[in-house]
């Protein structure tokens, strides 16, 4: 399991440039006019994880298979999208299919690149898109809650629970706050997710800065970080222009280029790490002579659920999982870890930890 992250933003903030850099493709047309992205472009990228290569070396694996995640470059939004302005309806429909939103904000000045509202203000841009998402949710809930209230009054228990969740969201939305701030009762998380509210999706603010500020950020990006902290969201600083240059360099030249401009890692790495934290994702590994592979699961997943990511038969017939911590595996190797008593047999209640190297036993 990876995750599907929609790249959104006002026109001309650098969304498509960033998408092209991240996926190393030219699938998205980057141009200096609104709506140059008409259909959402989708790109799968490998999740960079140095641990996988160390595990492969220890296991002498012939192949290395990283886990992957999907980025979707979604057409630029403008004020009034919730009422169908610009490509609003299409924009909102595409966001519904994503697990999280990477909201690209323009944090740079450039007279040669027009801004759809004639000014550079990332906070105002963020509020424009947030408002459109909340208005769309408000309209959707007000329409859906009416028949459910009738069913709830008639004694339908499921309808009553849905109405309570909808009313909690409506209260926030009517007060100008996003649905992700709803205090969802324990056990109702899945039911709330099924409401599929746009403003309930986790937000990652991507501050697109000028090249000189790629390593440290600037005053505009600092404002965005303050906003993210206040909301419990995440933020990262990226220069889409630099990421585009890095993506075009041979792999052996990328490290030298980044060192020369003061970057420790590509923006993709920072974006993925922030995305993982945002969605509560972790990685476990499988390794053997044929291949070493990384798998993504949600934090808190038990061993059978982790096995099910590989194949549903593994979860259905789960018996136990041989588990070795990452450090033990790369230091001692699988045989050495077993000899040292570091290989554990875990059962159905075991909660998988980030970095676990696992071998599943199951009945078909």
Protein backbone atom coordinates (compact mmCIF):
# COMPACT_ATOMS: atom_id res chain seq x y z
CA UNK A 1 0.00 0.00 0.00
CA UNK A 2 1.21 3.45 -0.89
CA UNK A 3 -0.96 6.50 -0.97
CA UNK A 4 -2.53 8.70 -3.60
CA UNK A 5 -1.71 12.36 -3.17
CA UNK A 6 -3.43 15.04 -5.23
CA UNK A 7 -1.24 18.02 -6.13
CA UNK A 8 -3.53 21.06 -6.04
CA UNK A 9 -3.21 24.82 -6.09
CA UNK A 10 -4.22 27.97 -7.90
CA UNK A 11 -3.08 28.27 -11.53
CA UNK A 12 0.59 29.14 -12.11
CA UNK A 13 1.93 28.22 -8.67
CA UNK A 14 4.27 25.52 -10.04
CA UNK A 15 2.11 22.40 -9.65
CA UNK A 16 2.88 20.86 -13.02
CA UNK A 17 6.57 21.78 -12.84
CA UNK A 18 6.74 20.02 -9.49
CA UNK A 19 4.80 17.02 -10.81
CA UNK A 20 7.14 16.67 -13.77
CA UNK A 21 10.16 16.82 -11.48
CA UNK A 22 8.77 14.33 -8.98
CA UNK A 23 7.72 11.74 -11.52
CA UNK A 24 10.59 12.48 -13.92
CA UNK A 25 8.17 12.60 -16.81
CA UNK A 26 6.87 15.25 -19.16
CA UNK A 27 3.30 14.02 -18.77
CA UNK A 28 2.05 17.30 -17.36
CA UNK A 29 2.34 20.37 -19.57
CA UNK A 30 3.85 23.25 -17.61
CA UNK A 31 2.87 26.56 -19.17
CA UNK A 32 2.29 30.13 -18.08
CA UNK A 33 -1.48 30.25 -18.42
CA UNK A 34 -4.41 28.91 -16.36
CA UNK A 35 -5.77 25.40 -16.92
CA UNK A 36 -2.83 24.07 -18.91
CA UNK A 37 -3.53 20.84 -17.00
CA UNK A 38 -6.92 19.75 -18.34
CA UNK A 39 -6.95 16.10 -17.29
CA UNK A 40 -5.36 14.91 -14.07
CA UNK A 41 -1.95 13.42 -14.78
CA UNK A 42 -0.98 10.46 -12.66
CA UNK A 43 2.54 9.33 -11.89
CA UNK A 44 3.83 6.48 -9.73
CA UNK A 45 7.18 7.11 -8.07
CA UNK A 46 9.42 4.83 -6.05
CA UNK A 47 9.69 5.69 -2.37
CA UNK A 48 13.40 6.27 -1.63
CA UNK A 49 14.47 4.30 1.44
CA UNK A 50 18.20 3.60 2.05
CA UNK A 51 17.25 0.77 4.42
CA UNK A 52 15.99 -1.33 1.51
CA UNK A 53 19.42 -1.37 -0.15
CA UNK A 54 21.15 -2.35 3.08
CA UNK A 55 18.65 -5.16 3.61
CA UNK A 56 19.18 -6.34 0.02
CA UNK A 57 22.94 -6.36 0.54
CA UNK A 58 22.60 -8.39 3.72
CA UNK A 59 20.21 -10.88 2.08
CA UNK A 60 22.22 -10.93 -1.20
CA UNK A 61 18.96 -10.24 -3.05
CA UNK A 62 19.02 -10.36 -6.85
CA UNK A 63 16.32 -7.69 -7.21
CA UNK A 64 15.28 -4.64 -5.23
CA UNK A 65 11.62 -3.54 -5.31
CA UNK A 66 10.74 -0.29 -3.50
CA UNK A 67 7.24 0.57 -2.47
CA UNK A 68 5.53 3.21 -4.61
CA UNK A 69 3.18 6.11 -4.25
CA UNK A 70 0.97 7.95 -6.66
CA UNK A 71 0.92 11.67 -7.38
CA UNK A 72 -2.00 13.19 -9.26
CA UNK A 73 -1.51 16.59 -10.88
CA UNK A 74 -4.97 18.17 -10.73
CA UNK A 75 -6.15 21.13 -12.83
CA UNK A 76 -5.73 24.56 -11.21
CA UNK A 77 -8.62 25.88 -9.13
CA UNK A 78 -10.01 29.40 -9.05
CA UNK A 79 -12.38 31.23 -6.73
CA UNK A 80 -15.92 29.95 -7.32
CA UNK A 81 -14.89 26.36 -8.11
CA UNK A 82 -17.52 25.00 -5.72
CA UNK A 83 -20.11 26.58 -8.04
CA UNK A 84 -18.44 25.22 -11.17
CA UNK A 85 -16.23 28.21 -12.02
CA UNK A 86 -13.18 27.42 -14.15
CA UNK A 87 -12.75 23.65 -14.05
CA UNK A 88 -14.22 23.51 -10.56
CA UNK A 89 -16.47 20.46 -10.83
CA UNK A 90 -13.70 18.37 -12.36
CA UNK A 91 -11.18 19.63 -9.80
CA UNK A 92 -13.39 18.68 -6.87
CA UNK A 93 -14.24 15.26 -8.30
CA UNK A 94 -10.55 14.45 -8.77
CA UNK A 95 -9.70 15.45 -5.19
CA UNK A 96 -12.34 13.04 -3.84
CA UNK A 97 -10.32 10.13 -5.24
CA UNK A 98 -7.14 11.10 -3.35
CA UNK A 99 -6.06 10.11 0.16
CA UNK A 100 -4.34 13.40 0.90
CA UNK A 101 -3.84 16.83 -0.62
CA UNK A 102 -0.44 18.34 -1.40
CA UNK A 103 -1.34 22.01 -1.63
CA UNK A 104 1.30 23.88 -3.63
CA UNK A 105 1.59 27.50 -2.59
CA UNK A 106 3.50 30.15 -4.48
CA UNK A 107 6.12 31.61 -2.15
CA UNK A 108 8.25 33.38 -4.74
CA UNK A 109 8.16 36.66 -6.68
CA UNK A 110 8.55 36.59 -10.46
CA UNK A 111 7.14 39.30 -12.72
CA UNK A 112 7.36 36.95 -15.70
CA UNK A 113 4.92 34.47 -14.16
CA UNK A 114 1.42 35.85 -13.72
CA UNK A 115 -0.68 35.19 -10.63
CA UNK A 116 -4.36 34.55 -11.24
CA UNK A 117 -5.31 37.11 -8.55
CA UNK A 118 -2.51 39.57 -9.26
CA UNK A 119 -0.54 39.17 -6.02
CA UNK A 120 1.73 36.74 -4.17
CA UNK A 121 0.15 35.74 -0.85
CA UNK A 122 0.38 32.02 -0.01
CA UNK A 123 -1.91 32.31 3.03
CA UNK A 124 -4.66 33.93 0.96
CA UNK A 125 -4.15 31.27 -1.73
CA UNK A 126 -4.50 28.50 0.86
CA UNK A 127 -7.67 30.08 2.21
CA UNK A 128 -9.14 30.38 -1.30
CA UNK A 129 -8.83 26.67 -1.95
CA UNK A 130 -9.86 25.69 1.59
CA UNK A 131 -12.98 27.83 1.25
CA UNK A 132 -13.95 26.18 -2.02
CA UNK A 133 -13.51 22.71 -0.48
CA UNK A 134 -15.61 23.68 2.54
CA UNK A 135 -18.38 25.21 0.39
CA UNK A 136 -18.54 22.03 -1.70
CA UNK A 137 -18.76 19.92 1.49
CA UNK A 138 -21.43 22.19 2.95
CA UNK A 139 -23.60 21.88 -0.14
CA UNK A 140 -23.09 18.11 -0.27
CA UNK A 141 -23.96 17.53 3.40
CA UNK A 142 -26.99 19.83 3.41
CA UNK A 143 -28.36 17.86 0.48
CA UNK A 144 -27.63 14.41 1.93
CA UNK A 145 -28.64 14.98 5.54
CA UNK A 146 -32.33 15.74 4.87
CA UNK A 147 -33.47 12.19 3.90
CA UNK A 148 -31.19 10.69 6.58
CA UNK A 149 -32.85 12.78 9.29
CA UNK A 150 -36.24 11.34 8.30
CA UNK A 151 -34.85 7.81 8.54
CA UNK A 152 -33.23 8.58 11.90
CA UNK A 153 -36.51 9.90 13.27
CA UNK A 154 -38.10 6.64 12.15
CA UNK A 155 -35.72 4.65 14.38
CA UNK A 156 -32.98 3.74 11.87
CA UNK A 157 -29.88 3.34 14.07
CA UNK A 158 -27.35 3.58 11.21
CA UNK A 159 -29.03 6.71 9.87
CA UNK A 160 -28.92 8.25 13.35
CA UNK A 161 -25.16 7.67 13.62
CA UNK A 162 -24.61 9.15 10.15
CA UNK A 163 -26.68 12.21 10.99
CA UNK A 164 -24.65 12.79 14.17
CA UNK A 165 -21.41 12.71 12.15
CA UNK A 166 -22.88 14.96 9.45
CA UNK A 167 -24.17 17.46 12.02
CA UNK A 168 -20.74 17.61 13.67
CA UNK A 169 -19.19 18.40 10.28
CA UNK A 170 -21.93 20.89 9.38
CA UNK A 171 -21.39 22.79 12.63
CA UNK A 172 -17.71 23.28 11.81
CA UNK A 173 -18.25 24.07 8.13
CA UNK A 174 -20.92 26.66 8.92
CA UNK A 175 -18.40 28.29 11.27
CA UNK A 176 -15.81 28.40 8.49
CA UNK A 177 -13.70 25.48 9.71
CA UNK A 178 -12.72 22.35 7.73
CA UNK A 179 -14.27 18.95 8.39
CA UNK A 180 -10.91 17.41 9.34
CA UNK A 181 -11.27 19.17 12.70
CA UNK A 182 -14.31 17.03 13.60
CA UNK A 183 -13.77 15.09 16.84
CA UNK A 184 -14.77 11.69 15.47
CA UNK A 185 -15.96 9.23 18.18
CA UNK A 186 -13.84 6.11 18.59
CA UNK A 187 -15.08 3.37 16.30
CA UNK A 188 -16.72 5.83 13.90
CA UNK A 189 -13.60 6.64 11.87
CA UNK A 190 -14.61 4.45 8.93
CA UNK A 191 -18.16 5.84 8.85
CA UNK A 192 -16.80 9.39 8.87
CA UNK A 193 -14.35 8.59 6.08
CA UNK A 194 -17.25 7.26 4.00
CA UNK A 195 -18.79 10.74 4.03
CA UNK A 196 -15.93 11.54 1.61
CA UNK A 197 -15.65 15.17 2.59
CA UNK A 198 -13.07 17.19 0.68
CA UNK A 199 -12.08 19.34 3.65
CA UNK A 200 -11.56 16.25 5.83
CA UNK A 201 -8.54 15.10 3.82
CA UNK A 202 -5.11 15.59 5.39
CA UNK A 203 -3.24 18.62 4.06
CA UNK A 204 0.44 18.94 3.21
CA UNK A 205 1.43 22.49 2.31
CA UNK A 206 4.19 22.59 -0.31
CA UNK A 207 5.96 25.95 -0.29
CA UNK A 208 7.34 26.58 -3.77
CA UNK A 209 10.20 29.03 -3.23
CA UNK A 210 12.83 30.69 -5.43
CA UNK A 211 16.05 28.78 -6.03
CA UNK A 212 18.06 30.82 -3.51
CA UNK A 213 15.65 29.84 -0.71
CA UNK A 214 15.47 26.12 -1.53
CA UNK A 215 17.52 25.06 1.50
CA UNK A 216 16.25 27.50 4.12
CA UNK A 217 12.87 28.80 2.95
CA UNK A 218 11.88 32.47 3.03
CA UNK A 219 9.55 34.84 4.84
CA UNK A 220 6.53 33.64 2.86
CA UNK A 221 7.20 29.96 3.56
CA UNK A 222 7.68 30.78 7.27
CA UNK A 223 4.11 32.11 7.33
CA UNK A 224 2.88 28.87 5.81
CA UNK A 225 4.74 26.79 8.42
CA UNK A 226 3.04 28.81 11.16
CA UNK A 227 -0.34 28.13 9.57
CA UNK A 228 0.41 24.40 9.27
CA UNK A 229 1.50 24.18 12.91
CA UNK A 230 -1.69 25.88 14.06
CA UNK A 231 -3.79 23.41 12.07
CA UNK A 232 -1.88 20.25 12.93
CA UNK A 233 -0.97 19.95 9.23
CA UNK A 234 2.48 19.49 7.63
CA UNK A 235 4.56 21.79 5.43
CA UNK A 236 7.68 21.37 3.31
CA UNK A 237 9.87 23.78 1.35
CA UNK A 238 10.64 22.90 -2.26
CA UNK A 239 11.93 24.83 -5.25
CA UNK A 240 10.10 23.30 -8.21
CA UNK A 241 12.66 24.87 -10.54
CA UNK A 242 15.55 23.15 -8.75
CA UNK A 243 13.68 19.84 -8.51
CA UNK A 244 13.18 20.03 -12.27
CA UNK A 245 16.93 20.50 -12.78
CA UNK A 246 17.79 17.64 -10.42
CA UNK A 247 15.39 15.32 -12.22
CA UNK A 248 17.18 15.91 -15.52
CA UNK A 249 20.67 15.14 -14.17
CA UNK A 250 22.26 11.67 -14.28
CA UNK A 251 22.00 9.94 -10.90
CA UNK A 252 25.75 10.16 -10.32
CA UNK A 253 25.68 13.97 -10.71
CA UNK A 254 22.68 14.71 -8.53
CA UNK A 255 24.52 14.51 -5.17
CA UNK A 256 27.24 16.93 -6.31
CA UNK A 257 24.66 19.37 -7.63
CA UNK A 258 22.67 19.30 -4.38
CA UNK A 259 25.80 19.77 -2.29
CA UNK A 260 26.78 22.78 -4.40
CA UNK A 261 23.47 24.53 -3.69
CA UNK A 262 23.27 23.49 -0.03
CA UNK A 263 20.61 20.76 -0.23
CA UNK A 264 21.02 17.52 1.71
CA UNK A 265 18.34 15.60 -0.20
CA UNK A 266 15.91 16.03 -3.11
CA UNK A 267 12.54 17.60 -2.49
CA UNK A 268 10.87 14.26 -3.32
CA UNK A 269 12.40 12.71 -0.20
CA UNK A 270 11.11 15.52 2.01
CA UNK A 271 7.69 15.37 0.39
CA UNK A 272 7.37 11.62 0.91
CA UNK A 273 8.54 11.76 4.51
CA UNK A 274 6.07 14.52 5.31
CA UNK A 275 3.33 12.58 3.51
CA UNK A 276 4.09 9.44 5.49
CA UNK A 277 3.91 11.37 8.76
CA UNK A 278 0.69 13.02 7.66
CA UNK A 279 -1.06 9.74 6.87
CA UNK A 280 0.53 7.67 9.61
CA UNK A 281 2.26 5.27 7.21
CA UNK A 282 5.22 2.99 7.95
CA UNK A 283 7.32 0.55 5.93
CA UNK A 284 8.14 -3.09 6.55
CA UNK A 285 10.36 -5.32 4.41
CA UNK A 286 10.61 -8.83 3.01
CA UNK A 287 13.97 -10.17 1.87
CA UNK A 288 15.48 -13.27 0.32
CA UNK A 289 17.83 -14.38 -2.47
CA UNK A 290 15.32 -13.48 -5.20
CA UNK A 291 14.34 -10.01 -4.03
CA UNK A 292 14.21 -7.46 -1.24
CA UNK A 293 10.94 -5.54 -1.22
CA UNK A 294 9.46 -2.66 0.76
CA UNK A 295 5.77 -2.60 1.73
CA UNK A 296 3.76 0.33 3.07
CA UNK A 297 1.13 -0.10 5.78
CA UNK A 298 -0.74 2.13 8.19
CA UNK A 299 0.82 2.57 11.63
CA UNK A 300 -0.90 0.20 14.06
CA UNK A 301 -1.46 -2.57 11.48
CA UNK A 302 -1.29 -6.08 12.94
CA UNK A 303 0.72 -8.89 11.36
CA UNK A 304 -2.17 -10.52 9.43
CA UNK A 305 -3.10 -7.14 7.89
CA UNK A 306 0.50 -6.55 6.88
CA UNK A 307 0.57 -9.99 5.27
CA UNK A 308 -2.62 -9.12 3.39
CA UNK A 309 -0.83 -6.26 1.63
CA UNK A 310 1.24 -8.91 -0.15
CA UNK A 311 -1.72 -11.18 -0.92
CA UNK A 312 -5.16 -11.67 0.59
CA UNK A 313 -4.41 -15.41 0.97
CA UNK A 314 -1.56 -14.51 3.33
CA UNK A 315 -3.97 -12.70 5.63
CA UNK A 316 -6.72 -15.28 5.37
CA UNK A 317 -4.42 -18.20 6.18
CA UNK A 318 -2.04 -16.37 8.53
CA UNK A 319 -0.27 -18.58 11.09
CA UNK A 320 2.66 -16.52 12.33
CA UNK A 321 5.36 -14.09 11.18
CA UNK A 322 9.10 -14.43 11.67
CA UNK A 323 10.15 -10.89 12.53
CA UNK A 324 13.62 -9.36 12.72
CA UNK A 325 14.23 -5.71 13.56
CA UNK A 326 15.97 -3.75 10.80
CA UNK A 327 19.18 -3.05 12.76
CA UNK A 328 19.52 -6.72 13.74
CA UNK A 329 18.96 -7.86 10.15
CA UNK A 330 21.57 -5.60 8.56
CA UNK A 331 24.09 -6.13 11.38
CA UNK A 332 23.77 -9.88 11.86
CA UNK A 333 22.04 -11.14 8.70
CA UNK A 334 19.03 -13.47 8.83
CA UNK A 335 21.01 -16.54 9.98
CA UNK A 336 23.03 -14.54 12.49
CA UNK A 337 19.89 -12.93 13.87
CA UNK A 338 18.32 -16.36 14.36
CA UNK A 339 21.42 -17.67 16.09
CA UNK A 340 21.46 -14.63 18.38
CA UNK A 341 17.79 -15.08 19.29
CA UNK A 342 16.81 -11.87 17.48
CA UNK A 343 14.31 -13.57 15.14
CA UNK A 344 10.90 -13.62 16.82
CA UNK A 345 7.80 -15.64 15.93
CA UNK A 346 4.90 -13.21 16.24
CA UNK A 347 1.20 -14.06 16.17
CA UNK A 348 -2.01 -12.42 15.04
CA UNK A 349 -1.96 -9.67 17.67
CA UNK A 350 1.53 -8.41 16.85
CA UNK A 351 1.58 -4.76 15.77
CA UNK A 352 4.13 -4.32 12.99
CA UNK A 353 6.91 -1.77 13.61
CA UNK A 354 8.54 0.48 11.05
CA UNK A 355 11.57 -1.31 9.59
CA UNK A 356 10.55 -4.86 10.54
CA UNK A 357 11.89 -7.55 8.20
CA UNK A 358 9.20 -10.23 8.02
CA UNK A 359 8.62 -13.74 6.71
CA UNK A 360 5.01 -14.94 6.86
CA UNK A 361 3.85 -18.49 7.52
CA UNK A 362 0.33 -19.24 6.27
CA UNK A 363 -2.09 -21.94 5.17
CA UNK A 364 -3.56 -21.78 1.67
